[in-house]
Amino acid sequence: MIVDQMILDKVATEKTTYQNDIVSEKPLRSIVKAISWRVVGTLDTLIVSYILTGQMALATSIASIDFVTKMILYFFHERIWNRIKWGR
């Protein structure tokens, strides 16, 4: 428990810069990872929706709406976090 808190404190107080981030992961890699994760999430929604409804057309509609709304929500989530100074 104490070790976990020490690790969290270290992570929360370490400063990173764009230059540090670009060395560890290029922006294009982050974009591709975000898209691939969204595809995985949408496929999950499609499968679960199909299992629950038994209708592929309805499941596809649900997954499509999920894809768009989650992309929009993610954008605003990131913009809000960019304004928060905590952990920088």
Protein backbone atom coordinates (compact mmCIF):
# COMPACT_ATOMS: atom_id res chain seq x y z
CA MET A 1 0.00 0.00 0.00
CA ILE A 2 2.77 2.43 0.94
CA VAL A 3 4.79 1.39 -2.12
CA ASP A 4 1.75 2.02 -4.34
CA GLN A 5 1.38 5.52 -2.89
CA MET A 6 5.08 6.21 -3.41
CA ILE A 7 4.82 5.16 -7.06
CA LEU A 8 1.72 7.30 -7.59
CA ASP A 9 3.43 10.29 -5.95
CA LYS A 10 6.48 9.88 -8.22
CA VAL A 11 4.34 9.60 -11.37
CA ALA A 12 2.18 12.58 -10.35
CA THR A 13 5.15 14.84 -9.64
CA GLU A 14 7.36 13.96 -12.63
CA LYS A 15 7.35 16.60 -15.31
CA THR A 16 7.23 15.56 -18.93
CA THR A 17 7.72 17.67 -21.98
CA TYR A 18 6.74 17.25 -25.57
CA GLN A 19 10.40 16.60 -26.32
CA ASN A 20 10.45 13.74 -23.79
CA ASP A 21 7.19 12.36 -25.13
CA ILE A 22 8.35 12.48 -28.75
CA VAL A 23 11.36 10.35 -27.81
CA SER A 24 9.22 7.74 -26.07
CA GLU A 25 6.36 7.69 -28.57
CA LYS A 26 5.83 9.59 -31.78
CA PRO A 27 2.50 11.43 -32.21
CA LEU A 28 1.58 9.29 -35.25
CA ARG A 29 1.95 6.17 -33.12
CA SER A 30 -0.42 7.67 -30.52
CA ILE A 31 -2.97 8.45 -33.24
CA VAL A 32 -2.79 4.93 -34.69
CA LYS A 33 -3.12 3.44 -31.20
CA ALA A 34 -6.17 5.61 -30.47
CA ILE A 35 -7.85 4.58 -33.73
CA SER A 36 -7.03 0.90 -33.26
CA TRP A 37 -8.41 1.01 -29.71
CA ARG A 38 -11.59 2.70 -30.94
CA VAL A 39 -12.00 -0.05 -33.57
CA VAL A 40 -11.61 -2.72 -30.86
CA GLY A 41 -14.16 -0.91 -28.68
CA THR A 42 -16.61 -0.59 -31.57
CA LEU A 43 -16.29 -4.28 -32.45
CA ASP A 44 -17.00 -5.10 -28.81
CA THR A 45 -20.11 -2.90 -28.90
CA LEU A 46 -21.20 -4.52 -32.17
CA ILE A 47 -20.86 -8.05 -30.76
CA VAL A 48 -22.57 -7.25 -27.46
CA SER A 49 -25.37 -5.39 -29.25
CA TYR A 50 -25.89 -8.32 -31.62
CA ILE A 51 -25.96 -10.81 -28.73
CA LEU A 52 -28.53 -8.68 -26.88
CA THR A 53 -30.74 -7.80 -29.85
CA GLY A 54 -30.21 -10.67 -32.29
CA GLN A 55 -30.42 -8.12 -35.12
CA MET A 56 -27.30 -7.26 -37.09
CA ALA A 57 -28.78 -4.05 -38.55
CA LEU A 58 -29.66 -2.74 -35.08
CA ALA A 59 -26.29 -3.83 -33.68
CA THR A 60 -24.50 -2.02 -36.51
CA SER A 61 -26.51 1.13 -35.85
CA ILE A 62 -25.66 1.01 -32.16
CA ALA A 63 -21.97 0.40 -32.88
CA SER A 64 -21.87 3.26 -35.41
CA ILE A 65 -23.45 5.71 -32.99
CA ASP A 66 -21.10 4.48 -30.26
CA PHE A 67 -18.07 5.05 -32.50
CA VAL A 68 -19.03 8.65 -33.29
CA THR A 69 -20.15 9.67 -29.80
CA LYS A 70 -17.10 8.17 -28.09
CA MET A 71 -14.74 9.95 -30.51
CA ILE A 72 -16.47 13.26 -29.71
CA LEU A 73 -16.47 12.58 -25.96
CA TYR A 74 -12.80 11.60 -26.08
CA PHE A 75 -11.91 14.86 -27.85
CA PHE A 76 -13.63 16.98 -25.19
CA HIS A 77 -12.22 14.79 -22.41
CA GLU A 78 -8.69 15.50 -23.68
CA ARG A 79 -9.37 19.24 -24.07
CA ILE A 80 -10.62 19.45 -20.48
CA TRP A 81 -7.59 17.53 -19.17
CA ASN A 82 -5.31 19.92 -21.06
CA ARG A 83 -6.64 22.73 -18.84
CA ILE A 84 -5.99 20.84 -15.60
CA LYS A 85 -2.59 21.64 -14.10
CA TRP A 86 -2.51 18.66 -11.73
CA GLY A 87 0.31 16.21 -12.42
CA ARG A 88 2.30 18.47 -14.72
